[in-house]
Amino acid sequence: ITYGFGEMPAKVLQKFLVNAETGTITLQEALDFEDTQAFRLAVEARDSGGLVAHCKVEVEVLDVND
């Protein structure tokens, strides 16, 4: 099984990275609560037979400096 992001805005793709082998989602840059308070990520899992499963991952950004 390989993992990747589905169709999403470029702004979101700049901030998150998905490991194709494990499906682990990590940040590529810091998130700013004042800029965006939540993200909805579209994740796809593909098997070697061509089947695809989809899910949504919601990320809530906390305002830690207030």
N, C-alpha and C. Protein backbone atom coordinates (compact mmCIF):
# COMPACT_ATOMS: atom_id res chain seq x y z
N ILE A 1 0.86 -1.19 0.00
CA ILE A 1 0.00 0.00 0.00
C ILE A 1 0.89 1.23 0.00
N THR A 2 0.53 2.20 -0.84
CA THR A 2 1.22 3.49 -0.85
C THR A 2 0.22 4.58 -0.52
N TYR A 3 0.72 5.62 0.11
CA TYR A 3 -0.13 6.71 0.58
C TYR A 3 0.25 8.01 -0.12
N GLY A 4 -0.71 8.89 -0.25
CA GLY A 4 -0.47 10.21 -0.84
C GLY A 4 -1.66 11.11 -0.56
N PHE A 5 -1.50 12.36 -0.91
CA PHE A 5 -2.59 13.32 -0.76
C PHE A 5 -3.45 13.32 -2.00
N GLY A 6 -4.73 13.54 -1.81
CA GLY A 6 -5.64 13.72 -2.92
C GLY A 6 -5.56 15.16 -3.41
N GLU A 7 -6.56 15.59 -4.13
CA GLU A 7 -6.58 16.94 -4.67
C GLU A 7 -6.85 17.94 -3.55
N MET A 8 -5.90 18.86 -3.35
CA MET A 8 -6.02 19.89 -2.31
C MET A 8 -5.35 21.16 -2.81
N PRO A 9 -5.67 22.30 -2.18
CA PRO A 9 -5.01 23.56 -2.56
C PRO A 9 -3.50 23.51 -2.33
N ALA A 10 -2.77 24.21 -3.16
CA ALA A 10 -1.30 24.26 -3.05
C ALA A 10 -0.86 24.76 -1.68
N LYS A 11 -1.62 25.68 -1.09
CA LYS A 11 -1.29 26.23 0.23
C LYS A 11 -1.20 25.12 1.27
N VAL A 12 -2.10 24.16 1.19
CA VAL A 12 -2.11 23.04 2.13
C VAL A 12 -0.95 22.09 1.84
N LEU A 13 -0.70 21.80 0.58
CA LEU A 13 0.37 20.89 0.21
C LEU A 13 1.76 21.42 0.59
N GLN A 14 1.89 22.74 0.71
CA GLN A 14 3.17 23.33 1.12
C GLN A 14 3.44 23.09 2.60
N LYS A 15 2.40 22.88 3.39
CA LYS A 15 2.54 22.76 4.84
C LYS A 15 2.66 21.33 5.35
N PHE A 16 2.14 20.37 4.61
CA PHE A 16 2.10 18.99 5.07
C PHE A 16 2.79 18.05 4.09
N LEU A 17 3.31 16.94 4.63
CA LEU A 17 3.97 15.93 3.83
C LEU A 17 3.48 14.57 4.32
N VAL A 18 3.17 13.66 3.40
CA VAL A 18 2.76 12.30 3.78
C VAL A 18 3.83 11.32 3.31
N ASN A 19 4.24 10.43 4.20
CA ASN A 19 5.21 9.39 3.86
C ASN A 19 4.49 8.34 3.02
N ALA A 20 4.97 8.09 1.82
CA ALA A 20 4.30 7.19 0.88
C ALA A 20 4.27 5.75 1.39
N GLU A 21 5.23 5.35 2.21
CA GLU A 21 5.29 3.97 2.69
C GLU A 21 4.50 3.73 3.98
N THR A 22 4.53 4.71 4.90
CA THR A 22 3.89 4.51 6.21
C THR A 22 2.57 5.25 6.36
N GLY A 23 2.35 6.29 5.57
CA GLY A 23 1.15 7.11 5.71
C GLY A 23 1.27 8.16 6.79
N THR A 24 2.43 8.28 7.42
CA THR A 24 2.65 9.27 8.46
C THR A 24 2.62 10.68 7.87
N ILE A 25 1.83 11.56 8.49
CA ILE A 25 1.71 12.95 8.03
C ILE A 25 2.55 13.82 8.95
N THR A 26 3.43 14.65 8.35
CA THR A 26 4.28 15.55 9.12
C THR A 26 4.16 16.96 8.56
N LEU A 27 4.63 17.92 9.37
CA LEU A 27 4.64 19.32 8.95
C LEU A 27 5.91 19.64 8.19
N GLN A 28 5.78 20.48 7.15
CA GLN A 28 6.95 20.98 6.44
C GLN A 28 7.33 22.37 6.92
N GLU A 29 6.37 23.06 7.54
CA GLU A 29 6.62 24.39 8.09
C GLU A 29 5.66 24.63 9.24
N ALA A 30 5.95 25.62 10.06
CA ALA A 30 5.12 25.92 11.22
C ALA A 30 3.74 26.40 10.78
N LEU A 31 2.74 26.11 11.61
CA LEU A 31 1.38 26.57 11.35
C LEU A 31 1.09 27.80 12.20
N ASP A 32 0.31 28.71 11.67
CA ASP A 32 -0.03 29.95 12.36
C ASP A 32 -1.54 30.01 12.56
N PHE A 33 -1.97 30.02 13.82
CA PHE A 33 -3.39 30.06 14.16
C PHE A 33 -4.08 31.28 13.54
N GLU A 34 -3.38 32.42 13.53
CA GLU A 34 -3.98 33.64 12.98
C GLU A 34 -4.19 33.54 11.47
N ASP A 35 -3.40 32.70 10.81
CA ASP A 35 -3.52 32.52 9.37
C ASP A 35 -4.64 31.53 9.02
N THR A 36 -4.59 30.35 9.61
CA THR A 36 -5.59 29.31 9.36
C THR A 36 -5.81 28.53 10.65
N GLN A 37 -7.06 28.36 11.06
CA GLN A 37 -7.37 27.70 12.32
C GLN A 37 -7.56 26.20 12.18
N ALA A 38 -7.78 25.70 10.96
CA ALA A 38 -7.97 24.27 10.75
C ALA A 38 -7.65 23.91 9.31
N PHE A 39 -7.26 22.66 9.12
CA PHE A 39 -6.98 22.13 7.78
C PHE A 39 -7.74 20.83 7.61
N ARG A 40 -8.18 20.57 6.41
CA ARG A 40 -8.80 19.28 6.07
C ARG A 40 -7.96 18.67 4.95
N LEU A 41 -7.33 17.54 5.27
CA LEU A 41 -6.44 16.87 4.34
C LEU A 41 -7.15 15.68 3.70
N ALA A 42 -7.01 15.53 2.41
CA ALA A 42 -7.55 14.39 1.68
C ALA A 42 -6.40 13.40 1.48
N VAL A 43 -6.53 12.20 2.06
CA VAL A 43 -5.48 11.19 1.98
C VAL A 43 -5.99 10.00 1.18
N GLU A 44 -5.11 9.46 0.34
CA GLU A 44 -5.45 8.29 -0.48
C GLU A 44 -4.48 7.15 -0.15
N ALA A 45 -5.00 5.93 -0.14
CA ALA A 45 -4.19 4.73 0.00
C ALA A 45 -4.44 3.87 -1.23
N ARG A 46 -3.36 3.45 -1.90
CA ARG A 46 -3.46 2.65 -3.13
C ARG A 46 -2.75 1.32 -2.93
N ASP A 47 -3.40 0.25 -3.41
CA ASP A 47 -2.72 -1.04 -3.36
C ASP A 47 -2.15 -1.36 -4.74
N SER A 48 -1.41 -2.46 -4.81
CA SER A 48 -0.73 -2.80 -6.06
C SER A 48 -1.71 -3.24 -7.15
N GLY A 49 -2.94 -3.53 -6.80
CA GLY A 49 -3.95 -3.92 -7.78
C GLY A 49 -4.70 -2.75 -8.37
N GLY A 50 -4.39 -1.53 -7.92
CA GLY A 50 -5.03 -0.34 -8.46
C GLY A 50 -6.23 0.15 -7.68
N LEU A 51 -6.58 -0.52 -6.57
CA LEU A 51 -7.70 -0.06 -5.75
C LEU A 51 -7.26 1.13 -4.90
N VAL A 52 -8.17 2.08 -4.70
CA VAL A 52 -7.87 3.30 -3.95
C VAL A 52 -8.91 3.50 -2.86
N ALA A 53 -8.45 3.84 -1.65
CA ALA A 53 -9.33 4.21 -0.55
C ALA A 53 -9.03 5.65 -0.19
N HIS A 54 -10.06 6.39 0.22
CA HIS A 54 -9.92 7.81 0.55
C HIS A 54 -10.35 8.05 1.99
N CYS A 55 -9.71 9.02 2.63
CA CYS A 55 -10.17 9.47 3.95
C CYS A 55 -9.80 10.94 4.11
N LYS A 56 -10.46 11.58 5.06
CA LYS A 56 -10.16 12.97 5.37
C LYS A 56 -9.54 13.03 6.77
N VAL A 57 -8.51 13.84 6.91
CA VAL A 57 -7.85 14.06 8.19
C VAL A 57 -8.04 15.53 8.53
N GLU A 58 -8.62 15.81 9.69
CA GLU A 58 -8.83 17.19 10.11
C GLU A 58 -7.76 17.57 11.13
N VAL A 59 -7.12 18.71 10.91
CA VAL A 59 -6.07 19.21 11.78
C VAL A 59 -6.55 20.54 12.35
N GLU A 60 -6.64 20.61 13.67
CA GLU A 60 -7.04 21.85 14.35
C GLU A 60 -5.77 22.52 14.89
N VAL A 61 -5.59 23.79 14.58
CA VAL A 61 -4.42 24.55 15.00
C VAL A 61 -4.77 25.28 16.29
N LEU A 62 -3.96 25.09 17.33
CA LEU A 62 -4.19 25.77 18.60
C LEU A 62 -3.37 27.04 18.67
N ASP A 63 -3.90 28.05 19.33
CA ASP A 63 -3.20 29.33 19.52
C ASP A 63 -2.43 29.25 20.82
N VAL A 64 -1.21 28.73 20.76
CA VAL A 64 -0.45 28.44 21.98
C VAL A 64 0.20 29.66 22.61
N ASN A 65 0.35 30.77 21.91
CA ASN A 65 1.04 31.93 22.48
C ASN A 65 0.11 32.88 23.22
N ASP A 66 -1.20 32.59 23.28
CA ASP A 66 -2.14 33.47 23.99
C ASP A 66 -2.56 32.87 25.31
